[in-house]
């Protein structure tokens, strides 16, 4: 089957980065459970032109930490069944080179700060993508799910993180055809939203 994963990540101000990765996957029966194997076949990114060097690093990086992982007999992702989070070889060096290119080109301090934050996110995502899948990604609930928690900030401040997840089942396969997770972080009345979206279809 063909699995597409998209992320819309905000940057300070009005800017944002939209990314996409396409995978070929297959479900292998293991007793009453399933192992999901896959490989990346393409990637794309759209963001501010001034972040092009770092965007190119992202596009060329294969997030190999996603597969394989396991589903239980009900189709839910089994927590901890995927690869252990691990750094991607060479990624930190590639990010350092991209940041140096931005500095050498005379980019503003704000742009470099944005790029640095995006680089930190990329390193984390590259190592942990397989451990952060929604448990019911392939069998989304009939009604949207929401969960929130409070967070404490340095200096005594506070905020909240709210996670919203919803999806649709395909009448053809009985599995997810579309799913969406939004993570909204609110600090001192200011909210930022990161959106992840998946789609699944026969290849």
Protein backbone atom coordinates (compact mmCIF):
# COMPACT_ATOMS: atom_id res chain seq x y z
CA UNK A 1 0.00 0.00 0.00
CA UNK A 2 1.02 3.64 -0.37
CA UNK A 3 1.36 5.69 2.83
CA UNK A 4 1.78 9.48 2.68
CA UNK A 5 2.87 11.52 5.69
CA UNK A 6 2.59 15.32 5.73
CA UNK A 7 3.63 17.83 8.39
CA UNK A 8 2.81 21.54 8.61
CA UNK A 9 5.10 23.16 11.15
CA UNK A 10 4.87 26.85 12.10
CA UNK A 11 7.86 29.15 12.38
CA UNK A 12 7.97 32.45 14.29
CA UNK A 13 5.84 35.10 12.61
CA UNK A 14 3.66 33.98 9.70
CA UNK A 15 6.11 31.55 8.11
CA UNK A 16 5.67 27.78 8.08
CA UNK A 17 7.25 24.67 6.63
CA UNK A 18 5.21 22.00 4.83
CA UNK A 19 6.81 18.60 4.34
CA UNK A 20 5.75 15.36 2.68
CA UNK A 21 7.12 11.83 2.60
CA UNK A 22 5.76 8.91 0.58
CA UNK A 23 6.27 5.28 1.52
CA UNK A 24 5.53 1.87 0.09
CA UNK A 25 4.37 -0.37 2.94
CA UNK A 26 3.15 -3.91 3.45
CA UNK A 27 1.41 -5.74 6.29
CA UNK A 28 2.90 -9.10 7.28
CA UNK A 29 0.92 -11.46 9.56
CA UNK A 30 2.75 -12.46 12.75
CA UNK A 31 0.46 -14.79 14.68
CA UNK A 32 -2.67 -12.72 15.37
CA UNK A 33 -0.73 -9.45 15.01
CA UNK A 34 0.82 -7.65 12.04
CA UNK A 35 4.26 -6.32 11.23
CA UNK A 36 4.34 -3.17 9.08
CA UNK A 37 7.37 -2.99 6.79
CA UNK A 38 8.09 -0.10 4.47
CA UNK A 39 10.52 2.04 2.53
CA UNK A 40 10.58 5.71 1.60
CA UNK A 41 10.07 6.43 -2.10
CA UNK A 42 9.98 10.24 -2.24
CA UNK A 43 10.07 13.43 -0.17
CA UNK A 44 9.30 17.11 -0.69
CA UNK A 45 9.40 20.31 1.31
CA UNK A 46 7.98 23.81 0.90
CA UNK A 47 9.14 26.66 3.10
CA UNK A 48 10.66 30.14 3.17
CA UNK A 49 13.27 30.57 0.41
CA UNK A 50 15.83 31.81 2.92
CA UNK A 51 15.79 28.38 4.62
CA UNK A 52 16.53 26.53 1.36
CA UNK A 53 19.90 25.05 2.51
CA UNK A 54 18.29 23.45 5.55
CA UNK A 55 15.21 22.40 3.59
CA UNK A 56 17.50 20.53 1.20
CA UNK A 57 19.04 18.68 4.15
CA UNK A 58 15.55 17.61 5.23
CA UNK A 59 14.58 16.50 1.71
CA UNK A 60 17.66 14.31 1.36
CA UNK A 61 17.36 12.76 4.83
CA UNK A 62 15.64 9.39 4.93
CA UNK A 63 13.73 8.93 8.19
CA UNK A 64 14.64 5.27 8.50
CA UNK A 65 13.49 5.05 12.12
CA UNK A 66 9.85 4.48 11.17
CA UNK A 67 9.89 0.79 10.15
CA UNK A 68 9.22 -1.89 11.09
CA UNK A 69 6.55 -1.58 13.77
CA UNK A 70 3.76 -3.85 14.98
CA UNK A 71 -0.04 -3.72 15.03
CA UNK A 72 -2.15 -5.79 17.40
CA UNK A 73 -5.01 -7.95 16.15
CA UNK A 74 -7.32 -4.93 16.30
CA UNK A 75 -5.04 -2.84 14.09
CA UNK A 76 -3.63 -0.56 16.82
CA UNK A 77 0.04 0.40 16.85
CA UNK A 78 1.81 -1.50 19.65
CA UNK A 79 3.73 1.01 21.74
CA UNK A 80 7.49 0.40 21.72
CA UNK A 81 7.35 -2.07 18.82
CA UNK A 82 9.21 0.20 16.40
CA UNK A 83 12.92 0.94 16.18
CA UNK A 84 14.54 2.58 19.17
CA UNK A 85 15.13 6.32 18.76
CA UNK A 86 18.61 6.83 17.33
CA UNK A 87 20.53 9.68 15.73
CA UNK A 88 20.77 9.66 11.94
CA UNK A 89 24.43 9.34 10.87
CA UNK A 90 25.75 12.54 9.33
CA UNK A 91 22.60 14.56 9.97
CA UNK A 92 24.10 16.84 12.64
CA UNK A 93 27.07 17.63 10.36
CA UNK A 94 24.74 18.37 7.42
CA UNK A 95 22.70 20.76 9.57
CA UNK A 96 25.87 22.53 10.75
CA UNK A 97 26.98 22.99 7.14
CA UNK A 98 23.57 24.37 6.14
CA UNK A 99 23.63 26.83 9.04
CA UNK A 100 27.13 27.92 8.06
CA UNK A 101 25.90 28.53 4.50
CA UNK A 102 23.14 30.76 5.85
CA UNK A 103 25.62 32.75 7.95
CA UNK A 104 28.04 33.11 5.03
CA UNK A 105 25.24 34.36 2.79
CA UNK A 106 24.51 37.23 5.19
CA UNK A 107 21.16 35.90 6.42
CA UNK A 108 19.56 37.80 9.28
CA UNK A 109 19.86 36.63 12.87
CA UNK A 110 16.10 35.92 12.86
CA UNK A 111 16.47 33.62 9.84
CA UNK A 112 19.40 31.81 11.41
CA UNK A 113 17.41 31.39 14.64
CA UNK A 114 14.49 29.93 12.66
CA UNK A 115 16.86 27.58 10.86
CA UNK A 116 18.43 26.49 14.13
CA UNK A 117 15.03 25.66 15.61
CA UNK A 118 14.05 23.76 12.46
CA UNK A 119 17.35 21.86 12.63
CA UNK A 120 16.68 20.82 16.22
CA UNK A 121 13.19 19.63 15.23
CA UNK A 122 14.61 17.68 12.27
CA UNK A 123 17.15 15.89 14.45
CA UNK A 124 14.44 14.94 16.94
CA UNK A 125 11.96 13.88 14.25
CA UNK A 126 14.55 11.83 12.38
CA UNK A 127 15.33 9.81 15.47
CA UNK A 128 11.88 9.49 17.01
CA UNK A 129 9.32 9.38 14.18
CA UNK A 130 8.59 5.69 14.74
CA UNK A 131 7.88 6.19 18.44
CA UNK A 132 5.30 8.95 17.98
CA UNK A 133 2.67 7.34 15.74
CA UNK A 134 -0.92 7.66 17.02
CA UNK A 135 -1.88 4.26 18.51
CA UNK A 136 -5.09 4.14 16.45
CA UNK A 137 -3.57 5.54 13.25
CA UNK A 138 -4.81 2.65 11.08
CA UNK A 139 -8.16 2.27 12.88
CA UNK A 140 -9.24 5.85 13.71
CA UNK A 141 -12.24 6.31 16.01
CA UNK A 142 -15.67 7.28 14.73
CA UNK A 143 -15.49 10.57 16.67
CA UNK A 144 -12.50 12.94 17.02
CA UNK A 145 -10.34 12.43 20.13
CA UNK A 146 -8.88 15.23 22.27
CA UNK A 147 -6.44 15.23 25.16
CA UNK A 148 -4.69 18.11 26.90
CA UNK A 149 -2.14 18.63 29.62
CA UNK A 150 -0.57 21.56 31.42
CA UNK A 151 3.09 22.43 30.96
CA UNK A 152 5.39 24.42 33.23
CA UNK A 153 7.81 26.94 31.71
CA UNK A 154 11.10 28.33 32.98
CA UNK A 155 10.54 31.37 35.16
CA UNK A 156 7.27 30.15 36.61
CA UNK A 157 5.11 30.49 33.51
CA UNK A 158 2.64 27.87 32.33
CA UNK A 159 0.79 26.74 29.25
CA UNK A 160 -1.13 23.85 27.73
CA UNK A 161 -0.63 21.27 25.02
CA UNK A 162 -3.75 19.91 23.33
CA UNK A 163 -3.68 16.96 20.94
CA UNK A 164 -6.56 16.39 18.53
CA UNK A 165 -6.80 13.23 16.40
CA UNK A 166 -9.38 12.16 13.84
CA UNK A 167 -9.58 10.02 10.73
CA UNK A 168 -11.70 8.12 8.24
CA UNK A 169 -11.91 4.41 7.42
CA UNK A 170 -11.87 3.16 3.86
CA UNK A 171 -14.91 0.98 3.02
CA UNK A 172 -12.63 -0.88 0.62
CA UNK A 173 -9.85 -1.93 3.01
CA UNK A 174 -11.35 -1.38 6.46
CA UNK A 175 -8.26 0.62 7.35
CA UNK A 176 -7.56 4.31 7.64
CA UNK A 177 -7.74 6.23 4.38
CA UNK A 178 -7.12 9.66 5.95
CA UNK A 179 -6.02 10.73 9.43
CA UNK A 180 -5.00 14.01 11.03
CA UNK A 181 -3.32 14.95 14.30
CA UNK A 182 -3.03 18.54 15.47
CA UNK A 183 -0.85 19.57 18.38
CA UNK A 184 -1.74 23.02 19.74
CA UNK A 185 0.66 24.63 22.21
CA UNK A 186 -0.70 27.65 24.08
CA UNK A 187 1.59 29.86 26.14
CA UNK A 188 0.43 33.12 27.71
CA UNK A 189 -2.51 33.39 25.35
CA UNK A 190 -0.45 32.75 22.20
CA UNK A 191 -1.11 29.47 20.36
CA UNK A 192 0.93 27.57 17.80
CA UNK A 193 -0.35 24.56 15.88
CA UNK A 194 1.57 21.71 14.24
CA UNK A 195 -0.50 19.47 11.97
CA UNK A 196 0.37 15.94 10.85
CA UNK A 197 -1.68 14.15 8.19
CA UNK A 198 -1.57 10.61 6.83
CA UNK A 199 -3.26 8.95 3.89
CA UNK A 200 -3.29 5.28 2.92
CA UNK A 201 -4.30 3.73 -0.39
CA UNK A 202 -3.67 0.67 -2.48
CA UNK A 203 -0.50 1.12 -4.52
